[in-house]
Amino acid sequence: MDKQETIKQIMASAFFVAGIALIVLFIFTIGKDKGFYQKKFQVEMHFSNVGGLVEGAPVRLHGVNIGNVASIDFLEQENQGRKVSVKANIFNRFKEQLKQGTRFTIQTEGVLGEKLVEIYSLDGQPQIDLERPIAGEDPISVTDMAQQFAELAQSFTKTADEFSKVDIVNLTKVMEDSSRALLITSEGVNDMMEDLKEITRKSKRMIGRLEERIIEGNLFTVF
């Protein structure tokens, strides 16, 4: 009986140790995939409004995950109207590519509207000093978009109202009169061009006759 109890305890201990080992292996694998064991450096960005960005949100460079948001806090003193400091941990292997980044923005992803930091680089731009805070571009506010659409709809409605007040009959008549006047003018221009062509033809013939008389030596008998 004591021997069986000992075997059970040994098996329970073995299962417990195996479970712990599996948990450690799982954590190590997840950490490796997430880059927990890779060397990182920190970048600070300043925004006026982060639009709901949270710590741990991904940081991407042209759609590639290069790190995550480490902390979000208010600045003690505003920097060019920006009040919020966002610090991000970036993998060291992306440091050279990140120096070319020229736009640091906050974007929305997915149906739930999760926020992330998206970075874009442009060719021919000077490198960025990653040791200094970087001015970021605020996310587009849904409220601002709704206001812009409302203003656009109001402007369209006003234009439609103004157009409805126009007397279509009179406008059509004016357009017809203008077209008729333009047609008469074009016909007059055509007649003038024909007259000019005739004058040019006669002038060329007269010059030709003068040249012939000069060559023959009897210029004064032309007339």
Protein backbone atom coordinates (compact mmCIF):
# COMPACT_ATOMS: atom_id res chain seq x y z
CA MET A 1 0.00 0.00 0.00
CA ASP A 2 2.82 2.34 0.86
CA LYS A 3 4.53 1.45 -2.41
CA GLN A 4 1.42 2.28 -4.44
CA GLU A 5 1.05 5.60 -2.63
CA THR A 6 4.68 6.39 -3.42
CA ILE A 7 4.15 5.59 -7.11
CA LYS A 8 1.07 7.81 -7.22
CA GLN A 9 2.98 10.67 -5.62
CA ILE A 10 5.84 10.24 -8.09
CA MET A 11 3.43 10.23 -11.05
CA ALA A 12 1.58 13.28 -9.71
CA SER A 13 4.90 15.08 -9.25
CA ALA A 14 5.95 14.12 -12.78
CA PHE A 15 2.70 15.41 -14.26
CA PHE A 16 3.06 18.60 -12.22
CA VAL A 17 6.63 19.16 -13.42
CA ALA A 18 5.63 18.37 -17.03
CA GLY A 19 2.77 20.85 -16.77
CA ILE A 20 5.07 23.56 -15.44
CA ALA A 21 7.55 22.79 -18.24
CA LEU A 22 4.82 23.06 -20.86
CA ILE A 23 3.66 26.38 -19.41
CA VAL A 24 7.22 27.73 -19.43
CA LEU A 25 7.74 26.50 -23.01
CA PHE A 26 4.45 28.11 -24.07
CA ILE A 27 5.40 31.43 -22.45
CA PHE A 28 8.86 31.29 -24.04
CA THR A 29 7.37 30.58 -27.48
CA ILE A 30 4.82 33.39 -27.21
CA GLY A 31 7.47 35.76 -25.92
CA LYS A 32 9.76 34.87 -28.80
CA ASP A 33 6.98 35.47 -31.33
CA LYS A 34 6.15 38.80 -29.69
CA GLY A 35 9.79 39.82 -29.59
CA PHE A 36 9.99 39.96 -25.78
CA TYR A 37 13.60 38.83 -25.88
CA GLN A 38 14.73 41.11 -28.70
CA LYS A 39 16.68 44.29 -28.02
CA LYS A 40 14.63 47.46 -28.28
CA PHE A 41 15.02 51.22 -28.16
CA GLN A 42 12.46 53.85 -27.24
CA VAL A 43 10.93 56.60 -29.39
CA GLU A 44 8.85 59.47 -28.05
CA MET A 45 6.05 61.05 -30.09
CA HIS A 46 3.86 64.06 -29.27
CA PHE A 47 0.19 64.37 -30.23
CA SER A 48 -2.62 66.81 -29.54
CA ASN A 49 -5.13 63.97 -29.33
CA VAL A 50 -4.45 60.22 -29.39
CA GLY A 51 -8.08 59.30 -30.11
CA GLY A 52 -8.28 56.39 -27.65
CA LEU A 53 -4.84 54.88 -28.27
CA VAL A 54 -3.88 52.53 -25.40
CA GLU A 55 -0.65 51.11 -24.03
CA GLY A 56 0.36 47.91 -25.77
CA ALA A 57 -1.07 49.01 -29.13
CA PRO A 58 1.06 47.95 -32.11
CA VAL A 59 3.46 50.26 -33.89
CA ARG A 60 3.83 49.62 -37.62
CA LEU A 61 6.14 50.85 -40.36
CA HIS A 62 4.42 50.52 -43.75
CA GLY A 63 2.18 47.84 -42.23
CA VAL A 64 5.01 45.83 -40.60
CA ASN A 65 4.89 45.43 -36.82
CA ILE A 66 8.08 46.97 -35.42
CA GLY A 67 7.11 47.45 -31.77
CA ASN A 68 4.36 48.57 -29.42
CA VAL A 69 3.22 51.52 -27.35
CA ALA A 70 4.96 51.50 -23.97
CA SER A 71 3.35 54.48 -22.23
CA ILE A 72 0.95 57.39 -22.76
CA ASP A 73 1.11 60.46 -20.56
CA PHE A 74 0.46 64.21 -20.53
CA LEU A 75 3.31 66.63 -21.12
CA GLU A 76 4.19 69.09 -18.38
CA GLN A 77 4.54 71.75 -21.07
CA GLU A 78 2.92 71.84 -24.48
CA ASN A 79 5.11 71.26 -27.53
CA GLN A 80 3.78 73.15 -30.58
CA GLY A 81 0.22 72.72 -29.34
CA ARG A 82 0.70 69.02 -28.57
CA LYS A 83 -0.15 67.90 -25.06
CA VAL A 84 0.22 64.10 -25.04
CA SER A 85 3.45 62.09 -25.00
CA VAL A 86 3.44 58.59 -26.49
CA LYS A 87 6.50 56.41 -25.94
CA ALA A 88 7.00 53.30 -28.04
CA ASN A 89 9.42 50.40 -27.75
CA ILE A 90 10.88 49.59 -31.19
CA PHE A 91 12.96 46.56 -32.18
CA ASN A 92 16.60 47.51 -32.79
CA ARG A 93 16.70 45.84 -36.18
CA PHE A 94 14.25 48.45 -37.53
CA LYS A 95 16.23 51.47 -36.33
CA GLU A 96 17.74 52.39 -39.71
CA GLN A 97 14.41 52.04 -41.52
CA LEU A 98 12.67 54.12 -38.86
CA LYS A 99 15.12 56.99 -39.34
CA GLN A 100 13.54 57.52 -42.75
CA GLY A 101 10.05 57.85 -41.25
CA THR A 102 8.48 61.21 -42.01
CA ARG A 103 4.87 60.69 -40.91
CA PHE A 104 3.91 59.34 -37.50
CA THR A 105 0.14 58.88 -37.44
CA ILE A 106 -2.55 57.20 -35.36
CA GLN A 107 -4.80 54.98 -37.45
CA THR A 108 -7.94 52.96 -36.81
CA GLU A 109 -8.06 49.22 -37.50
CA GLY A 110 -10.83 46.67 -37.54
CA VAL A 111 -14.55 46.82 -36.91
CA LEU A 112 -14.07 47.71 -33.25
CA GLY A 113 -11.97 50.72 -34.18
CA GLU A 114 -8.75 49.68 -32.41
CA LYS A 115 -6.03 52.34 -32.58
CA LEU A 116 -2.42 51.83 -33.64
CA VAL A 117 0.60 53.93 -34.55
CA GLU A 118 1.37 53.81 -38.30
CA ILE A 119 4.62 55.24 -39.63
CA TYR A 120 5.31 56.13 -43.27
CA SER A 121 8.59 57.06 -44.93
CA LEU A 122 9.15 59.11 -48.07
CA ASP A 123 12.14 59.02 -50.39
CA GLY A 124 14.44 62.01 -50.49
CA GLN A 125 13.58 63.22 -46.98
CA PRO A 126 16.25 63.97 -44.33
CA GLN A 127 16.78 61.42 -41.58
CA ILE A 128 14.98 61.84 -38.27
CA ASP A 129 16.75 62.28 -34.95
CA LEU A 130 15.21 59.47 -32.93
CA GLU A 131 16.71 60.82 -29.72
CA ARG A 132 14.36 63.83 -29.81
CA PRO A 133 10.53 63.87 -29.53
CA ILE A 134 8.77 63.50 -32.87
CA ALA A 135 5.69 65.53 -33.82
CA GLY A 136 2.90 63.12 -34.74
CA GLU A 137 -0.27 63.58 -36.76
CA ASP A 138 -3.52 63.38 -34.80
CA PRO A 139 -6.11 60.75 -35.79
CA ILE A 140 -9.16 61.78 -37.77
CA SER A 141 -12.01 62.44 -35.38
CA VAL A 142 -15.39 60.88 -36.16
CA THR A 143 -17.01 64.04 -34.81
CA ASP A 144 -14.98 66.20 -37.18
CA MET A 145 -15.88 63.95 -40.10
CA ALA A 146 -19.57 64.14 -39.20
CA GLN A 147 -19.34 67.93 -38.98
CA GLN A 148 -17.64 68.14 -42.38
CA PHE A 149 -20.34 65.94 -43.94
CA ALA A 150 -23.02 68.08 -42.33
CA GLU A 151 -21.45 71.26 -43.72
CA LEU A 152 -21.16 69.64 -47.15
CA ALA A 153 -24.82 68.58 -47.07
CA GLN A 154 -25.86 72.07 -46.00
CA SER A 155 -23.85 73.62 -48.83
CA PHE A 156 -25.38 71.19 -51.34
CA THR A 157 -28.89 71.99 -50.09
CA LYS A 158 -28.21 75.72 -50.39
CA THR A 159 -26.92 75.29 -53.93
CA ALA A 160 -29.97 73.25 -54.88
CA ASP A 161 -32.27 75.93 -53.44
CA GLU A 162 -30.48 78.66 -55.37
CA PHE A 163 -30.67 76.63 -58.56
CA SER A 164 -34.38 76.03 -58.07
CA LYS A 165 -34.92 79.82 -58.02
CA VAL A 166 -33.43 80.23 -61.49
CA ASP A 167 -35.98 80.87 -64.25
CA ILE A 168 -35.19 77.99 -66.58
CA VAL A 169 -37.29 79.42 -69.43
CA ASN A 170 -35.52 82.78 -69.41
CA LEU A 171 -32.16 81.08 -69.01
CA THR A 172 -32.86 78.90 -72.04
CA LYS A 173 -33.92 81.93 -74.07
CA VAL A 174 -30.76 83.82 -73.13
CA MET A 175 -28.66 80.83 -74.11
CA GLU A 176 -30.47 80.57 -77.47
CA ASP A 177 -29.96 84.30 -78.16
CA SER A 178 -26.30 83.99 -77.24
CA SER A 179 -25.88 81.00 -79.53
CA ARG A 180 -27.61 82.84 -82.40
CA ALA A 181 -25.42 85.91 -81.91
CA LEU A 182 -22.32 83.72 -81.81
CA LEU A 183 -23.39 82.03 -85.04
CA ILE A 184 -23.90 85.40 -86.79
CA THR A 185 -20.52 86.58 -85.53
CA SER A 186 -18.82 83.43 -86.80
CA GLU A 187 -20.46 83.86 -90.22
CA GLY A 188 -19.21 87.47 -90.34
CA VAL A 189 -15.71 86.30 -89.44
CA ASN A 190 -15.86 83.70 -92.22
CA ASP A 191 -16.88 86.37 -94.77
CA MET A 192 -14.06 88.61 -93.59
CA MET A 193 -11.58 85.75 -93.97
CA GLU A 194 -12.79 85.14 -97.53
CA ASP A 195 -12.34 88.85 -98.35
CA LEU A 196 -8.84 88.76 -96.90
CA LYS A 197 -8.03 85.71 -99.00
CA GLU A 198 -9.26 87.51 -102.14
CA ILE A 199 -7.24 90.63 -101.34
CA THR A 200 -4.17 88.48 -100.69
CA ARG A 201 -4.65 86.67 -104.00
CA LYS A 202 -4.95 89.96 -105.92
CA SER A 203 -1.94 91.42 -104.11
CA LYS A 204 0.18 88.41 -105.01
CA ARG A 205 -0.88 88.72 -108.66
CA MET A 206 -0.07 92.45 -108.68
CA ILE A 207 3.36 91.83 -107.13
CA GLY A 208 4.01 89.12 -109.70
CA ARG A 209 3.19 91.51 -112.56
CA LEU A 210 5.47 94.17 -111.06
CA GLU A 211 8.31 91.69 -110.81
CA GLU A 212 7.81 90.69 -114.44
CA ARG A 213 7.85 94.35 -115.63
CA ILE A 214 10.97 95.07 -113.59
CA ILE A 215 12.73 92.10 -115.13
CA GLU A 216 11.61 93.14 -118.66
CA GLY A 217 12.69 96.76 -118.00
CA ASN A 218 9.35 98.38 -118.78
CA LEU A 219 8.06 99.01 -115.23
CA PHE A 220 6.37 102.29 -116.21
CA THR A 221 4.16 100.58 -118.75
CA VAL A 222 2.41 98.47 -116.17
CA PHE A 223 -0.47 100.91 -115.95
